[in-house]
Amino acid sequence: MTAQIADSLKTNNRGVSALEFALCLPVLLTILFGILEYGWFFVNQIVLINSVSAGARAGIKANIARGDDPIQLAIDTARNTFWLPGSLNVSATVSDDEPVKLRVVAHIRFEPLTGYLPSQLLPSRIAAKAVLVFP
């Protein structure tokens, strides 16, 4: 009788796959959503850096003799090239020392894509800066 019970325990594997899946699913979902969230973070960061760089490039190309304001041109260009949802806070300054430089700084509040990961694992703010010298 005990041999029959031992044999039935060896061959009865029903439910083992479901248990393994239930144990592995949280880990797999954390990895998947981590990849999605950090991918979204890097997209936001790259778009912000490109917008600030475009603003700085436009600002140093301003024709001051024609009355163009390099600071306003830099801010407008940075805002126009930022295509993600959310508000972009941009500031630009022109230095007084030689060589004259245009500094464009921007930051955004990072909004997670899924909200699955805890807020401690993701940054809440993204910032970018570009400094170019006037020709």
C-alpha atoms as a PDB file:
ATOM      1  CA  MET A   1       0.000   0.000   0.000  1.00  0.00           C
ATOM      2  CA  THR A   2       2.784   2.438   0.841  1.00  0.00           C
ATOM      3  CA  ALA A   3       4.499   1.613  -2.424  1.00  0.00           C
ATOM      4  CA  GLN A   4       1.327   2.555  -4.310  1.00  0.00           C
ATOM      5  CA  ILE A   5       1.125   5.911  -2.486  1.00  0.00           C
ATOM      6  CA  ALA A   6       4.780   6.624  -3.194  1.00  0.00           C
ATOM      7  CA  ASP A   7       4.306   5.777  -6.877  1.00  0.00           C
ATOM      8  CA  SER A   8       1.222   7.996  -7.144  1.00  0.00           C
ATOM      9  CA  LEU A   9       3.086  10.918  -5.526  1.00  0.00           C
ATOM     10  CA  LYS A  10       5.924  10.564  -8.027  1.00  0.00           C
ATOM     11  CA  THR A  11       3.627  10.632 -11.031  1.00  0.00           C
ATOM     12  CA  ASN A  12       1.033  13.171  -9.814  1.00  0.00           C
ATOM     13  CA  ASN A  13       2.386  16.526 -11.074  1.00  0.00           C
ATOM     14  CA  ARG A  14      -0.936  18.265 -11.621  1.00  0.00           C
ATOM     15  CA  GLY A  15      -0.820  21.908 -10.629  1.00  0.00           C
ATOM     16  CA  VAL A  16       2.964  22.185 -10.530  1.00  0.00           C
ATOM     17  CA  SER A  17       3.051  24.285 -13.698  1.00  0.00           C
ATOM     18  CA  ALA A  18       0.438  26.659 -12.327  1.00  0.00           C
ATOM     19  CA  LEU A  19       2.392  27.026  -9.095  1.00  0.00           C
ATOM     20  CA  GLU A  20       5.645  27.715 -10.959  1.00  0.00           C
ATOM     21  CA  PHE A  21       3.869  30.286 -13.130  1.00  0.00           C
ATOM     22  CA  ALA A  22       2.349  31.982 -10.073  1.00  0.00           C
ATOM     23  CA  LEU A  23       5.771  32.210  -8.437  1.00  0.00           C
ATOM     24  CA  CYS A  24       7.567  33.515 -11.544  1.00  0.00           C
ATOM     25  CA  LEU A  25       4.904  35.948 -12.815  1.00  0.00           C
ATOM     26  CA  PRO A  26       5.622  38.841 -10.384  1.00  0.00           C
ATOM     27  CA  VAL A  27       9.325  38.710 -11.192  1.00  0.00           C
ATOM     28  CA  LEU A  28       8.676  38.619 -14.935  1.00  0.00           C
ATOM     29  CA  LEU A  29       6.176  41.497 -14.733  1.00  0.00           C
ATOM     30  CA  THR A  30       8.605  43.590 -12.693  1.00  0.00           C
ATOM     31  CA  ILE A  31      11.308  43.060 -15.304  1.00  0.00           C
ATOM     32  CA  LEU A  32       8.903  43.808 -18.176  1.00  0.00           C
ATOM     33  CA  PHE A  33       7.490  46.980 -16.629  1.00  0.00           C
ATOM     34  CA  GLY A  34      10.977  48.063 -15.574  1.00  0.00           C
ATOM     35  CA  ILE A  35      12.089  47.851 -19.198  1.00  0.00           C
ATOM     36  CA  LEU A  36       9.008  49.803 -20.337  1.00  0.00           C
ATOM     37  CA  GLU A  37       9.344  52.531 -17.691  1.00  0.00           C
ATOM     38  CA  TYR A  38      13.061  53.077 -18.155  1.00  0.00           C
ATOM     39  CA  GLY A  39      12.615  53.049 -21.933  1.00  0.00           C
ATOM     40  CA  TRP A  40       9.980  55.782 -21.556  1.00  0.00           C
ATOM     41  CA  PHE A  41      12.325  57.698 -19.240  1.00  0.00           C
ATOM     42  CA  PHE A  42      15.125  57.572 -21.821  1.00  0.00           C
ATOM     43  CA  VAL A  43      12.744  58.712 -24.586  1.00  0.00           C
ATOM     44  CA  ASN A  44      11.766  61.718 -22.442  1.00  0.00           C
ATOM     45  CA  GLN A  45      15.401  62.474 -21.664  1.00  0.00           C
ATOM     46  CA  ILE A  46      16.531  62.282 -25.300  1.00  0.00           C
ATOM     47  CA  VAL A  47      13.651  64.478 -26.522  1.00  0.00           C
ATOM     48  CA  LEU A  48      14.392  67.056 -23.808  1.00  0.00           C
ATOM     49  CA  ILE A  49      18.117  67.124 -24.611  1.00  0.00           C
ATOM     50  CA  ASN A  50      17.405  67.512 -28.335  1.00  0.00           C
ATOM     51  CA  SER A  51      14.914  70.336 -27.684  1.00  0.00           C
ATOM     52  CA  VAL A  52      17.374  72.243 -25.511  1.00  0.00           C
ATOM     53  CA  SER A  53      20.152  71.752 -28.067  1.00  0.00           C
ATOM     54  CA  ALA A  54      17.904  72.962 -30.890  1.00  0.00           C
ATOM     55  CA  GLY A  55      16.967  76.008 -28.840  1.00  0.00           C
ATOM     56  CA  ALA A  56      20.599  76.862 -28.157  1.00  0.00           C
ATOM     57  CA  ARG A  57      21.534  76.411 -31.830  1.00  0.00           C
ATOM     58  CA  ALA A  58      18.681  78.674 -32.911  1.00  0.00           C
ATOM     59  CA  GLY A  59      19.596  81.264 -30.301  1.00  0.00           C
ATOM     60  CA  ILE A  60      23.197  81.651 -31.419  1.00  0.00           C
ATOM     61  CA  LYS A  61      22.056  82.015 -35.028  1.00  0.00           C
ATOM     62  CA  ALA A  62      19.865  85.009 -34.119  1.00  0.00           C
ATOM     63  CA  ASN A  63      20.480  88.097 -36.218  1.00  0.00           C
ATOM     64  CA  ILE A  64      20.936  90.758 -33.550  1.00  0.00           C
ATOM     65  CA  ALA A  65      21.401  93.496 -36.182  1.00  0.00           C
ATOM     66  CA  ARG A  66      17.912  92.696 -37.466  1.00  0.00           C
ATOM     67  CA  GLY A  67      16.491  92.887 -33.948  1.00  0.00           C
ATOM     68  CA  ASP A  68      16.206  89.181 -33.124  1.00  0.00           C
ATOM     69  CA  ASP A  69      16.328  88.343 -29.424  1.00  0.00           C
ATOM     70  CA  PRO A  70      18.542  85.254 -28.980  1.00  0.00           C
ATOM     71  CA  ILE A  71      17.031  84.408 -25.597  1.00  0.00           C
ATOM     72  CA  GLN A  72      13.435  84.461 -26.821  1.00  0.00           C
ATOM     73  CA  LEU A  73      14.373  82.619 -30.010  1.00  0.00           C
ATOM     74  CA  ALA A  74      16.091  79.893 -27.974  1.00  0.00           C
ATOM     75  CA  ILE A  75      13.120  79.501 -25.627  1.00  0.00           C
ATOM     76  CA  ASP A  76      10.565  79.424 -28.461  1.00  0.00           C
ATOM     77  CA  THR A  77      12.555  76.893 -30.464  1.00  0.00           C
ATOM     78  CA  ALA A  78      13.048  74.622 -27.454  1.00  0.00           C
ATOM     79  CA  ARG A  79       9.311  74.678 -26.717  1.00  0.00           C
ATOM     80  CA  ASN A  80       8.360  74.086 -30.362  1.00  0.00           C
ATOM     81  CA  THR A  81      10.657  71.085 -30.785  1.00  0.00           C
ATOM     82  CA  PHE A  82       9.516  69.402 -27.554  1.00  0.00           C
ATOM     83  CA  TRP A  83       6.775  67.065 -28.777  1.00  0.00           C
ATOM     84  CA  LEU A  84       5.951  65.077 -25.627  1.00  0.00           C
ATOM     85  CA  PRO A  85       2.906  65.854 -23.465  1.00  0.00           C
ATOM     86  CA  GLY A  86       3.545  67.991 -20.423  1.00  0.00           C
ATOM     87  CA  SER A  87       4.810  71.463 -19.743  1.00  0.00           C
ATOM     88  CA  LEU A  88       8.395  72.351 -20.543  1.00  0.00           C
ATOM     89  CA  ASN A  89      10.046  74.907 -18.257  1.00  0.00           C
ATOM     90  CA  VAL A  90      12.780  76.657 -20.254  1.00  0.00           C
ATOM     91  CA  SER A  91      15.125  79.475 -19.333  1.00  0.00           C
ATOM     92  CA  ALA A  92      17.952  81.028 -21.318  1.00  0.00           C
ATOM     93  CA  THR A  93      20.714  83.452 -20.372  1.00  0.00           C
ATOM     94  CA  VAL A  94      23.511  85.205 -22.218  1.00  0.00           C
ATOM     95  CA  SER A  95      26.823  85.558 -20.385  1.00  0.00           C
ATOM     96  CA  ASP A  96      28.648  88.875 -20.128  1.00  0.00           C
ATOM     97  CA  ASP A  97      32.174  87.472 -20.177  1.00  0.00           C
ATOM     98  CA  GLU A  98      34.277  86.597 -23.219  1.00  0.00           C
ATOM     99  CA  PRO A  99      33.500  84.483 -25.159  1.00  0.00           C
ATOM    100  CA  VAL A 100      29.809  85.323 -25.042  1.00  0.00           C
ATOM    101  CA  LYS A 101      27.791  82.164 -24.387  1.00  0.00           C
ATOM    102  CA  LEU A 102      24.128  81.283 -24.594  1.00  0.00           C
ATOM    103  CA  ARG A 103      22.987  78.902 -21.866  1.00  0.00           C
ATOM    104  CA  VAL A 104      19.634  77.132 -22.241  1.00  0.00           C
ATOM    105  CA  VAL A 105      18.250  75.081 -19.331  1.00  0.00           C
ATOM    106  CA  ALA A 106      15.001  73.126 -19.263  1.00  0.00           C
ATOM    107  CA  HIS A 107      13.294  70.640 -17.012  1.00  0.00           C
ATOM    108  CA  ILE A 108      10.125  68.582 -17.075  1.00  0.00           C
ATOM    109  CA  ARG A 109       8.214  66.510 -14.586  1.00  0.00           C
ATOM    110  CA  PHE A 110       8.526  62.831 -15.500  1.00  0.00           C
ATOM    111  CA  GLU A 111       5.206  61.005 -15.785  1.00  0.00           C
ATOM    112  CA  PRO A 112       5.526  57.189 -15.637  1.00  0.00           C
ATOM    113  CA  LEU A 113       4.058  55.199 -18.487  1.00  0.00           C
ATOM    114  CA  THR A 114       2.394  52.368 -16.548  1.00  0.00           C
ATOM    115  CA  GLY A 115       2.571  53.340 -12.879  1.00  0.00           C
ATOM    116  CA  TYR A 116       3.381  49.726 -11.959  1.00  0.00           C
ATOM    117  CA  LEU A 117       6.791  50.443 -10.416  1.00  0.00           C
ATOM    118  CA  PRO A 118       7.126  52.290  -7.099  1.00  0.00           C
ATOM    119  CA  SER A 119       7.913  55.986  -7.404  1.00  0.00           C
ATOM    120  CA  GLN A 120      11.218  55.500  -5.561  1.00  0.00           C
ATOM    121  CA  LEU A 121      12.617  53.540  -8.512  1.00  0.00           C
ATOM    122  CA  LEU A 122      12.037  56.305 -11.063  1.00  0.00           C
ATOM    123  CA  PRO A 123      13.152  59.928 -11.189  1.00  0.00           C
ATOM    124  CA  SER A 124      10.448  62.536 -10.780  1.00  0.00           C
ATOM    125  CA  ARG A 125      12.178  65.259 -12.801  1.00  0.00           C
ATOM    126  CA  ILE A 126      14.366  65.383 -15.912  1.00  0.00           C
ATOM    127  CA  ALA A 127      16.673  68.305 -16.669  1.00  0.00           C
ATOM    128  CA  ALA A 128      18.881  69.249 -19.613  1.00  0.00           C
ATOM    129  CA  LYS A 129      21.325  72.053 -20.355  1.00  0.00           C
ATOM    130  CA  ALA A 130      23.079  73.304 -23.482  1.00  0.00           C
ATOM    131  CA  VAL A 131      25.773  75.981 -23.613  1.00  0.00           C
ATOM    132  CA  LEU A 132      26.976  77.349 -26.963  1.00  0.00           C
ATOM    133  CA  VAL A 133      29.355  80.175 -27.856  1.00  0.00           C
ATOM    134  CA  PHE A 134      28.227  82.973 -30.158  1.00  0.00           C
ATOM    135  CA  PRO A 135      30.217  83.057 -33.417  1.00  0.00           C
END
